[in-house]
Amino acid sequence: MESDVILFGLTVAEFEEISLKVCFSGLILYMLFIIGNLAKESKAGKYGTVWMFAALGLGFVGFIAKGLIARLLGIE
């Protein structure tokens, strides 16, 4: 099954799994930067900044929680 190896000895599935985690982590960091910049430019203050991070960051918090729950339950 040498034809399954595509890059650095990884199969397609392994490469997709690693690239999803790396690229999505980069996207999350970029979104955190955008939220922080938005809070700074709007002069939201401490309380407003906390609410901005809570409201706008809820989407990727769910994605991270899904991965942690799957790992804790041994599903992954």
N, C-alpha and C. Protein backbone atom coordinates (compact mmCIF):
# COMPACT_ATOMS: atom_id res chain seq x y z
N MET A 1 0.82 -1.19 0.00
CA MET A 1 0.00 0.00 0.00
C MET A 1 0.87 1.25 0.00
N GLU A 2 1.92 1.26 -0.78
CA GLU A 2 2.79 2.43 -0.89
C GLU A 2 2.09 3.59 -1.57
N SER A 3 1.04 3.32 -2.32
CA SER A 3 0.36 4.40 -3.03
C SER A 3 -0.47 5.28 -2.10
N ASP A 4 -0.70 4.84 -0.86
CA ASP A 4 -1.47 5.63 0.09
C ASP A 4 -0.65 6.76 0.71
N VAL A 5 0.67 6.68 0.66
CA VAL A 5 1.54 7.67 1.26
C VAL A 5 1.59 8.88 0.33
N ILE A 6 1.29 10.09 0.86
CA ILE A 6 1.30 11.26 -0.01
C ILE A 6 2.40 12.26 0.34
N LEU A 7 2.67 12.46 1.62
CA LEU A 7 3.62 13.50 2.00
C LEU A 7 4.23 13.17 3.36
N PHE A 8 5.54 13.14 3.44
CA PHE A 8 6.26 12.88 4.68
C PHE A 8 5.80 11.60 5.36
N GLY A 9 5.40 10.61 4.60
CA GLY A 9 5.00 9.33 5.17
C GLY A 9 3.61 9.32 5.77
N LEU A 10 2.80 10.31 5.46
CA LEU A 10 1.44 10.38 5.99
C LEU A 10 0.44 9.91 4.94
N THR A 11 -0.63 9.29 5.40
CA THR A 11 -1.72 8.96 4.49
C THR A 11 -2.61 10.19 4.31
N VAL A 12 -3.55 10.10 3.41
CA VAL A 12 -4.46 11.21 3.15
C VAL A 12 -5.26 11.56 4.41
N ALA A 13 -5.76 10.55 5.10
CA ALA A 13 -6.57 10.78 6.30
C ALA A 13 -5.75 11.44 7.41
N GLU A 14 -4.53 10.98 7.60
CA GLU A 14 -3.66 11.58 8.62
C GLU A 14 -3.33 13.03 8.28
N PHE A 15 -3.03 13.27 7.01
CA PHE A 15 -2.72 14.64 6.58
C PHE A 15 -3.92 15.57 6.77
N GLU A 16 -5.12 15.09 6.43
CA GLU A 16 -6.33 15.91 6.60
C GLU A 16 -6.59 16.21 8.07
N GLU A 17 -6.39 15.23 8.93
CA GLU A 17 -6.64 15.43 10.35
C GLU A 17 -5.67 16.46 10.94
N ILE A 18 -4.41 16.34 10.60
CA ILE A 18 -3.40 17.28 11.12
C ILE A 18 -3.62 18.67 10.56
N SER A 19 -3.88 18.77 9.25
CA SER A 19 -4.06 20.09 8.65
C SER A 19 -5.33 20.77 9.15
N LEU A 20 -6.38 20.00 9.43
CA LEU A 20 -7.60 20.60 9.99
C LEU A 20 -7.30 21.22 11.35
N LYS A 21 -6.61 20.50 12.20
CA LYS A 21 -6.32 21.02 13.54
C LYS A 21 -5.40 22.23 13.48
N VAL A 22 -4.37 22.18 12.64
CA VAL A 22 -3.42 23.28 12.55
C VAL A 22 -4.07 24.51 11.93
N CYS A 23 -4.75 24.33 10.81
CA CYS A 23 -5.35 25.48 10.12
C CYS A 23 -6.50 26.08 10.93
N PHE A 24 -7.31 25.23 11.56
CA PHE A 24 -8.42 25.77 12.34
C PHE A 24 -7.91 26.47 13.59
N SER A 25 -6.83 25.98 14.16
CA SER A 25 -6.22 26.67 15.31
C SER A 25 -5.72 28.05 14.91
N GLY A 26 -5.11 28.14 13.72
CA GLY A 26 -4.66 29.43 13.20
C GLY A 26 -5.83 30.37 12.97
N LEU A 27 -6.92 29.85 12.46
CA LEU A 27 -8.12 30.65 12.23
C LEU A 27 -8.70 31.16 13.54
N ILE A 28 -8.70 30.32 14.56
CA ILE A 28 -9.21 30.73 15.87
C ILE A 28 -8.34 31.86 16.44
N LEU A 29 -7.03 31.71 16.34
CA LEU A 29 -6.14 32.77 16.83
C LEU A 29 -6.36 34.07 16.08
N TYR A 30 -6.57 33.99 14.78
CA TYR A 30 -6.83 35.19 13.98
C TYR A 30 -8.15 35.84 14.40
N MET A 31 -9.18 35.02 14.66
CA MET A 31 -10.47 35.57 15.09
C MET A 31 -10.35 36.22 16.46
N LEU A 32 -9.54 35.65 17.35
CA LEU A 32 -9.31 36.28 18.66
C LEU A 32 -8.63 37.64 18.49
N PHE A 33 -7.67 37.71 17.57
CA PHE A 33 -7.02 38.98 17.28
C PHE A 33 -8.04 40.00 16.75
N ILE A 34 -8.92 39.58 15.86
CA ILE A 34 -9.93 40.49 15.30
C ILE A 34 -10.87 40.98 16.40
N ILE A 35 -11.32 40.09 17.28
CA ILE A 35 -12.22 40.49 18.37
C ILE A 35 -11.52 41.47 19.30
N GLY A 36 -10.27 41.20 19.63
CA GLY A 36 -9.51 42.11 20.49
C GLY A 36 -9.32 43.47 19.85
N ASN A 37 -9.02 43.48 18.56
CA ASN A 37 -8.85 44.73 17.83
C ASN A 37 -10.17 45.51 17.76
N LEU A 38 -11.27 44.80 17.55
CA LEU A 38 -12.58 45.43 17.52
C LEU A 38 -12.93 46.05 18.87
N ALA A 39 -12.62 45.35 19.94
CA ALA A 39 -12.89 45.87 21.29
C ALA A 39 -12.04 47.10 21.57
N LYS A 40 -10.81 47.09 21.11
CA LYS A 40 -9.91 48.22 21.33
C LYS A 40 -10.37 49.45 20.54
N GLU A 41 -10.73 49.24 19.27
CA GLU A 41 -11.14 50.37 18.43
C GLU A 41 -12.48 50.96 18.86
N SER A 42 -13.35 50.12 19.41
CA SER A 42 -14.66 50.63 19.84
C SER A 42 -14.64 51.17 21.26
N LYS A 43 -13.48 51.09 21.92
CA LYS A 43 -13.33 51.56 23.30
C LYS A 43 -14.39 50.93 24.21
N ALA A 44 -14.47 49.61 24.14
CA ALA A 44 -15.52 48.88 24.85
C ALA A 44 -15.30 48.82 26.35
N GLY A 45 -14.10 49.00 26.83
CA GLY A 45 -13.82 48.88 28.25
C GLY A 45 -13.66 47.41 28.63
N LYS A 46 -13.37 47.17 29.90
CA LYS A 46 -13.13 45.80 30.34
C LYS A 46 -14.39 44.94 30.26
N TYR A 47 -15.48 45.48 30.74
CA TYR A 47 -16.74 44.72 30.76
C TYR A 47 -17.23 44.44 29.34
N GLY A 48 -17.17 45.42 28.48
CA GLY A 48 -17.59 45.25 27.10
C GLY A 48 -16.70 44.28 26.34
N THR A 49 -15.41 44.32 26.63
CA THR A 49 -14.47 43.42 25.97
C THR A 49 -14.74 41.98 26.36
N VAL A 50 -15.03 41.75 27.63
CA VAL A 50 -15.36 40.40 28.09
C VAL A 50 -16.60 39.89 27.37
N TRP A 51 -17.61 40.73 27.24
CA TRP A 51 -18.84 40.32 26.56
C TRP A 51 -18.61 40.10 25.07
N MET A 52 -17.75 40.89 24.47
CA MET A 52 -17.45 40.69 23.05
C MET A 52 -16.76 39.35 22.83
N PHE A 53 -15.78 39.04 23.67
CA PHE A 53 -15.11 37.75 23.54
C PHE A 53 -16.07 36.60 23.82
N ALA A 54 -16.96 36.77 24.80
CA ALA A 54 -17.91 35.70 25.13
C ALA A 54 -18.91 35.48 23.99
N ALA A 55 -19.46 36.55 23.46
CA ALA A 55 -20.49 36.42 22.43
C ALA A 55 -19.91 36.00 21.09
N LEU A 56 -18.84 36.66 20.66
CA LEU A 56 -18.29 36.37 19.35
C LEU A 56 -17.42 35.13 19.34
N GLY A 57 -16.94 34.71 20.48
CA GLY A 57 -16.08 33.55 20.54
C GLY A 57 -16.78 32.25 20.86
N LEU A 58 -18.09 32.27 20.99
CA LEU A 58 -18.83 31.06 21.35
C LEU A 58 -18.74 29.97 20.29
N GLY A 59 -18.64 30.31 19.04
CA GLY A 59 -18.61 29.31 17.97
C GLY A 59 -17.41 28.39 18.06
N PHE A 60 -16.23 28.96 18.20
CA PHE A 60 -15.06 28.09 18.25
C PHE A 60 -14.85 27.47 19.62
N VAL A 61 -15.50 28.00 20.65
CA VAL A 61 -15.45 27.34 21.95
C VAL A 61 -16.17 25.99 21.86
N GLY A 62 -17.27 25.95 21.12
CA GLY A 62 -17.98 24.69 20.91
C GLY A 62 -17.15 23.68 20.15
N PHE A 63 -16.39 24.14 19.16
CA PHE A 63 -15.54 23.25 18.39
C PHE A 63 -14.44 22.64 19.27
N ILE A 64 -13.85 23.47 20.11
CA ILE A 64 -12.80 22.99 21.02
C ILE A 64 -13.39 22.03 22.05
N ALA A 65 -14.57 22.36 22.57
CA ALA A 65 -15.21 21.50 23.57
C ALA A 65 -15.56 20.14 22.97
N LYS A 66 -15.99 20.12 21.72
CA LYS A 66 -16.31 18.87 21.05
C LYS A 66 -15.09 17.95 21.00
N GLY A 67 -13.95 18.51 20.67
CA GLY A 67 -12.72 17.72 20.62
C GLY A 67 -12.31 17.20 21.99
N LEU A 68 -12.44 18.04 23.01
CA LEU A 68 -12.08 17.61 24.37
C LEU A 68 -13.02 16.52 24.89
N ILE A 69 -14.31 16.69 24.63
CA ILE A 69 -15.28 15.69 25.08
C ILE A 69 -15.05 14.35 24.38
N ALA A 70 -14.78 14.41 23.07
CA ALA A 70 -14.52 13.17 22.33
C ALA A 70 -13.27 12.48 22.86
N ARG A 71 -12.24 13.24 23.20
CA ARG A 71 -11.01 12.65 23.72
C ARG A 71 -11.24 12.06 25.11
N LEU A 72 -12.02 12.75 25.96
CA LEU A 72 -12.30 12.24 27.31
C LEU A 72 -13.11 10.94 27.26
N LEU A 73 -14.04 10.85 26.32
CA LEU A 73 -14.86 9.65 26.21
C LEU A 73 -14.18 8.54 25.41
N GLY A 74 -13.04 8.84 24.83
CA GLY A 74 -12.31 7.84 24.07
C GLY A 74 -12.91 7.54 22.71
N ILE A 75 -13.69 8.46 22.18
CA ILE A 75 -14.34 8.26 20.88
C ILE A 75 -13.38 8.52 19.74
N GLU A 76 -12.47 9.44 19.90
CA GLU A 76 -11.56 9.85 18.83
C GLU A 76 -10.62 8.77 18.40
